[in-house]
Amino acid sequence: MPFKRCKMHGLKILLLLLLFVLISGCITSSPEKAPKALFDMGHGEIFPPNDGKPSSYTGFYYQFYSNGYDVGSLDSPITKEVLSGAKVLVAAGPMRDFSVEEIISIKDFVRNGGNLLILVHIFPPVNPLAQEFGISLSSNITAEAKNVINSSSLDFFIMDFVEHPITLGIKKVAVYGTWSVISNEPAKTVAWTSDSAWPDIIKNKIFDPDIENREKLGIIAVAEYGRGKVLVLADDAIFIERFMNDGDNRRFGENIIKWFKGSQNRS
């Protein structure tokens, strides 16, 4: 009898071990939830995220997808609940202002490990948001005398970069009608025009020495806030299908996504 009791006890232990292994396997083998990237469409954005047209962000959209993101869009007011579970918010060319409540929600989102990408079409709607992270936008379009595209002073290649994960391997980025940025620490500017650029105050695309000054102007700025990251790019056309393959634009988009992906997970 003692032998039979031992045998039964051993069988119970074996069954418990087997159950533990099965439960552990279920836990470890369950797929990890994909991080979410959201394109804001609730502030009058003119370039859609994914319709395949030349004026859409389709290629950029699928760069997020190929990096393991669950990609979507939102057209409702931005709240803490709307951003719950998201890793990236793309504000691509907003034409309408963000409310005070939306700015607070976005700041909390970034502080807790979210990432914010601002692409600028016009500066007034995004300036209050960008300034929360130490980045301001100029009120004048930038013109350039060097590295121009198709003889237009407003379309040109950015070729002066500060060493940063988003500029890794980048030699030139094409912009098409860009503003400029000014960063205050701890934010920093990582891409600049040549020193032959000027703010086009007169809006005639021609340099006027009586009113305008040639100077080196910032185009791209980054900041880290709390556990998250912010990138402000003073042009929203850089990642649309029509221009995605110009210069190193596509690789630049990939660098941004990978930089964001390295952010700390949200609690």
Protein backbone atom coordinates (compact mmCIF):
# COMPACT_ATOMS: atom_id res chain seq x y z
CA MET A 1 0.00 0.00 0.00
CA PRO A 2 2.72 2.58 0.81
CA PHE A 3 4.19 1.91 -2.64
CA LYS A 4 0.82 2.58 -4.33
CA ARG A 5 0.37 5.80 -2.28
CA CYS A 6 3.81 7.02 -3.39
CA LYS A 7 3.02 6.19 -6.96
CA MET A 8 -0.25 8.17 -6.82
CA HIS A 9 1.54 11.13 -5.18
CA GLY A 10 4.18 11.11 -7.91
CA LEU A 11 1.48 11.05 -10.58
CA LYS A 12 -0.22 14.08 -9.03
CA ILE A 13 3.06 16.00 -9.00
CA LEU A 14 3.66 15.07 -12.63
CA LEU A 15 0.17 16.26 -13.61
CA LEU A 16 0.68 19.55 -11.75
CA LEU A 17 4.01 20.12 -13.47
CA LEU A 18 2.42 19.41 -16.84
CA LEU A 19 -0.39 21.87 -16.11
CA PHE A 20 2.16 24.53 -15.09
CA VAL A 21 4.10 24.04 -18.34
CA LEU A 22 0.92 24.33 -20.40
CA ILE A 23 -0.17 27.50 -18.62
CA SER A 24 3.31 29.03 -18.92
CA GLY A 25 3.39 28.19 -22.61
CA CYS A 26 0.06 29.92 -23.16
CA ILE A 27 1.29 33.02 -21.39
CA THR A 28 4.65 33.27 -23.18
CA SER A 29 3.38 32.29 -26.61
CA SER A 30 0.51 34.79 -26.73
CA PRO A 31 1.33 37.44 -29.38
CA GLU A 32 2.45 40.83 -28.10
CA LYS A 33 0.00 43.60 -28.93
CA ALA A 34 1.27 45.81 -31.76
CA PRO A 35 2.03 49.44 -30.88
CA LYS A 36 -0.46 51.88 -32.34
CA ALA A 37 0.34 54.86 -34.61
CA LEU A 38 -2.43 57.39 -35.19
CA PHE A 39 -2.65 59.99 -37.96
CA ASP A 40 -4.72 62.95 -36.78
CA MET A 41 -7.41 63.94 -39.29
CA GLY A 42 -9.50 66.06 -36.93
CA HIS A 43 -7.87 69.44 -37.56
CA GLY A 44 -8.50 70.04 -41.27
CA GLU A 45 -5.46 68.14 -42.57
CA ILE A 46 -5.34 68.23 -46.38
CA PHE A 47 -3.12 65.19 -47.09
CA PRO A 48 -4.91 61.90 -46.28
CA PRO A 49 -2.89 59.12 -44.62
CA ASN A 50 -3.68 56.21 -46.93
CA ASP A 51 -5.56 56.57 -50.21
CA GLY A 52 -2.66 55.80 -52.58
CA LYS A 53 -2.79 59.19 -54.31
CA PRO A 54 0.31 61.35 -54.96
CA SER A 55 -0.83 63.82 -52.29
CA SER A 56 -1.26 61.19 -49.57
CA TYR A 57 1.04 59.76 -46.89
CA THR A 58 0.46 56.20 -48.13
CA GLY A 59 4.13 55.16 -48.30
CA PHE A 60 4.88 56.72 -44.92
CA TYR A 61 1.76 55.05 -43.49
CA TYR A 62 3.03 51.64 -44.60
CA GLN A 63 6.51 52.35 -43.22
CA PHE A 64 4.87 52.37 -39.80
CA TYR A 65 3.03 49.18 -40.68
CA SER A 66 6.22 47.41 -41.83
CA ASN A 67 7.85 48.36 -38.51
CA GLY A 68 5.19 46.46 -36.59
CA TYR A 69 2.70 49.24 -35.90
CA ASP A 70 -1.07 49.02 -35.94
CA VAL A 71 -1.74 52.16 -38.01
CA GLY A 72 -4.96 54.15 -38.04
CA SER A 73 -6.42 57.64 -38.10
CA LEU A 74 -8.64 59.68 -35.83
CA ASP A 75 -11.04 62.52 -36.54
CA SER A 76 -12.41 63.13 -33.06
CA PRO A 77 -11.09 65.60 -30.48
CA ILE A 78 -7.82 64.37 -28.97
CA THR A 79 -8.30 63.15 -25.42
CA LYS A 80 -6.44 60.93 -22.99
CA GLU A 81 -8.91 58.14 -23.81
CA VAL A 82 -8.41 58.50 -27.59
CA LEU A 83 -4.62 58.26 -27.15
CA SER A 84 -4.80 55.33 -24.74
CA GLY A 85 -2.67 52.47 -26.05
CA ALA A 86 -1.10 54.61 -28.80
CA LYS A 87 2.66 54.90 -29.25
CA VAL A 88 2.80 57.60 -31.95
CA LEU A 89 0.60 60.57 -32.84
CA VAL A 90 1.22 62.12 -36.26
CA ALA A 91 -0.10 65.67 -36.62
CA ALA A 92 0.38 65.97 -40.37
CA GLY A 93 -0.37 69.49 -41.54
CA PRO A 94 -3.13 70.64 -39.17
CA MET A 95 -5.12 73.59 -40.51
CA ARG A 96 -7.18 74.23 -37.37
CA ASP A 97 -6.03 75.02 -33.83
CA PHE A 98 -5.69 72.43 -31.10
CA SER A 99 -7.79 73.22 -28.04
CA VAL A 100 -6.18 73.81 -24.65
CA GLU A 101 -7.61 70.47 -23.52
CA GLU A 102 -6.11 68.69 -26.53
CA ILE A 103 -2.68 70.21 -25.90
CA ILE A 104 -2.83 69.04 -22.27
CA SER A 105 -3.78 65.53 -23.40
CA ILE A 106 -0.94 65.42 -25.95
CA LYS A 107 1.60 66.65 -23.38
CA ASP A 108 0.49 63.93 -20.95
CA PHE A 109 0.70 61.39 -23.79
CA VAL A 110 4.31 62.33 -24.55
CA ARG A 111 5.31 62.57 -20.88
CA ASN A 112 4.10 58.99 -20.39
CA GLY A 113 6.14 57.57 -23.27
CA GLY A 114 4.17 58.52 -26.36
CA ASN A 115 5.78 60.10 -29.42
CA LEU A 116 4.61 63.16 -31.35
CA LEU A 117 5.45 63.99 -34.96
CA ILE A 118 4.39 67.45 -36.16
CA LEU A 119 4.52 68.13 -39.91
CA VAL A 120 3.79 71.78 -40.67
CA HIS A 121 1.56 73.04 -43.47
CA ILE A 122 0.80 76.43 -41.90
CA PHE A 123 2.41 77.54 -38.67
CA PRO A 124 -0.42 79.13 -36.58
CA PRO A 125 -2.29 75.91 -35.65
CA VAL A 126 0.82 74.03 -34.51
CA ASN A 127 2.91 76.75 -32.87
CA PRO A 128 1.19 76.64 -29.45
CA LEU A 129 1.60 72.84 -29.36
CA ALA A 130 5.24 72.83 -30.53
CA GLN A 131 6.14 75.58 -28.05
CA GLU A 132 5.11 73.31 -25.18
CA PHE A 133 8.21 71.27 -26.06
CA GLY A 134 10.63 74.16 -26.59
CA ILE A 135 10.19 74.50 -30.37
CA SER A 136 8.81 77.54 -32.20
CA LEU A 137 7.99 78.10 -35.85
CA SER A 138 8.74 81.16 -37.94
CA SER A 139 5.98 83.21 -39.54
CA ASN A 140 7.80 83.33 -42.90
CA ILE A 141 8.36 80.72 -45.59
CA THR A 142 12.04 79.84 -46.05
CA ALA A 143 13.80 80.57 -49.35
CA GLU A 144 17.20 79.21 -50.36
CA ALA A 145 19.91 80.16 -52.86
CA LYS A 146 21.77 76.84 -52.74
CA ASN A 147 20.76 73.22 -53.41
CA VAL A 148 17.53 74.34 -55.07
CA ILE A 149 15.14 71.96 -56.86
CA ASN A 150 13.86 72.88 -60.34
CA SER A 151 15.15 76.45 -60.00
CA SER A 152 12.65 77.29 -57.25
CA SER A 153 14.02 79.13 -54.22
CA LEU A 154 11.25 77.60 -52.07
CA ASP A 155 12.04 73.98 -53.02
CA PHE A 156 15.47 72.74 -52.01
CA PHE A 157 17.57 70.06 -50.38
CA ILE A 158 18.53 70.24 -46.72
CA MET A 159 22.15 69.05 -46.50
CA ASP A 160 23.39 70.25 -43.12
CA PHE A 161 22.62 67.77 -40.34
CA VAL A 162 23.52 67.39 -36.69
CA GLU A 163 24.47 63.86 -35.61
CA HIS A 164 21.33 62.19 -34.27
CA PRO A 165 19.55 58.82 -34.72
CA ILE A 166 17.11 60.38 -37.21
CA THR A 167 19.92 61.77 -39.39
CA LEU A 168 21.90 58.54 -39.55
CA GLY A 169 22.96 57.89 -43.15
CA ILE A 170 21.08 60.96 -44.42
CA LYS A 171 22.84 63.12 -47.00
CA LYS A 172 19.98 65.25 -48.28
CA VAL A 173 16.29 65.73 -47.54
CA ALA A 174 14.00 67.47 -50.04
CA VAL A 175 11.55 70.11 -48.78
CA TYR A 176 8.86 71.91 -50.74
CA GLY A 177 7.73 75.19 -49.24
CA THR A 178 9.02 74.97 -45.70
CA TRP A 179 8.88 77.26 -42.69
CA SER A 180 11.75 77.30 -40.20
CA VAL A 181 12.13 76.26 -36.56
CA ILE A 182 13.80 77.75 -33.50
CA SER A 183 14.59 75.41 -30.63
CA ASN A 184 15.23 76.19 -26.98
CA GLU A 185 17.04 73.71 -24.73
CA PRO A 186 16.53 70.91 -24.07
CA ALA A 187 15.03 70.80 -27.58
CA LYS A 188 17.57 71.04 -30.40
CA THR A 189 17.64 71.72 -34.11
CA VAL A 190 19.10 68.83 -36.13
CA ALA A 191 18.77 70.02 -39.75
CA TRP A 192 19.65 73.38 -41.26
CA THR A 193 19.60 75.29 -44.53
CA SER A 194 22.82 76.71 -45.94
CA ASP A 195 23.88 80.16 -44.78
CA SER A 196 22.49 81.54 -48.05
CA ALA A 197 18.86 81.05 -47.06
CA TRP A 198 16.48 83.83 -46.04
CA PRO A 199 12.99 84.26 -44.60
CA ASP A 200 10.81 85.30 -47.55
CA ILE A 201 9.21 88.29 -45.82
CA ILE A 202 8.06 89.93 -49.05
CA LYS A 203 6.72 86.56 -50.33
CA ASN A 204 8.13 87.06 -53.85
CA LYS A 205 10.72 84.21 -53.76
CA ILE A 206 13.47 86.77 -54.48
CA PHE A 207 16.03 87.97 -51.97
CA ASP A 208 15.64 91.65 -51.04
CA PRO A 209 18.78 92.89 -49.18
CA ASP A 210 16.94 95.97 -47.89
CA ILE A 211 14.45 93.93 -45.90
CA GLU A 212 15.68 90.34 -45.72
CA ASN A 213 18.86 88.78 -44.30
CA ARG A 214 20.69 85.72 -45.55
CA GLU A 215 21.13 83.28 -42.69
CA LYS A 216 21.27 79.64 -41.67
CA LEU A 217 17.75 78.54 -40.70
CA GLY A 218 16.61 75.46 -38.81
CA ILE A 219 14.14 73.13 -40.49
CA ILE A 220 13.87 70.09 -38.20
CA ALA A 221 13.92 70.06 -34.39
CA VAL A 222 13.62 67.31 -31.79
CA ALA A 223 12.89 67.15 -28.09
CA GLU A 224 12.59 64.54 -25.39
CA TYR A 225 9.88 65.17 -22.84
CA GLY A 226 9.29 62.84 -19.93
CA ARG A 227 9.56 59.33 -21.38
CA GLY A 228 8.51 60.37 -24.89
CA LYS A 229 9.89 62.12 -27.96
CA VAL A 230 8.83 64.99 -30.19
CA LEU A 231 9.89 65.86 -33.73
CA VAL A 232 8.83 69.03 -35.54
CA LEU A 233 9.45 69.17 -39.29
CA ALA A 234 8.66 72.57 -40.79
CA ASP A 235 7.30 71.03 -44.03
CA ASP A 236 4.41 68.57 -44.35
CA ALA A 237 5.04 67.65 -48.01
CA ILE A 238 8.25 65.71 -47.38
CA PHE A 239 6.48 62.36 -46.82
CA ILE A 240 3.67 62.53 -49.37
CA GLU A 241 3.84 60.02 -52.21
CA ARG A 242 4.83 62.63 -54.78
CA PHE A 243 8.05 63.49 -52.93
CA MET A 244 8.73 60.41 -50.82
CA ASN A 245 11.49 59.16 -53.12
CA ASP A 246 13.25 62.52 -53.50
CA GLY A 247 16.64 62.76 -51.83
CA ASP A 248 16.77 60.59 -48.72
CA ASN A 249 13.19 61.33 -47.69
CA ARG A 250 12.14 57.69 -47.47
CA ARG A 251 15.13 56.70 -45.37
CA PHE A 252 14.55 59.73 -43.17
CA GLY A 253 11.00 58.54 -42.51
CA GLU A 254 12.34 55.12 -41.57
CA ASN A 255 14.84 56.70 -39.16
CA ILE A 256 12.10 58.68 -37.43
CA ILE A 257 9.94 55.61 -36.93
CA LYS A 258 12.84 53.62 -35.50
CA TRP A 259 13.78 56.48 -33.16
CA PHE A 260 10.22 56.62 -31.89
CA LYS A 261 10.14 52.86 -31.48
CA GLY A 262 13.03 53.06 -29.03
CA SER A 263 11.01 55.15 -26.59
CA GLN A 264 10.23 53.72 -23.17
CA ASN A 265 6.97 51.84 -22.91
CA ARG A 266 4.08 53.65 -21.37
CA SER A 267 2.92 52.62 -17.93
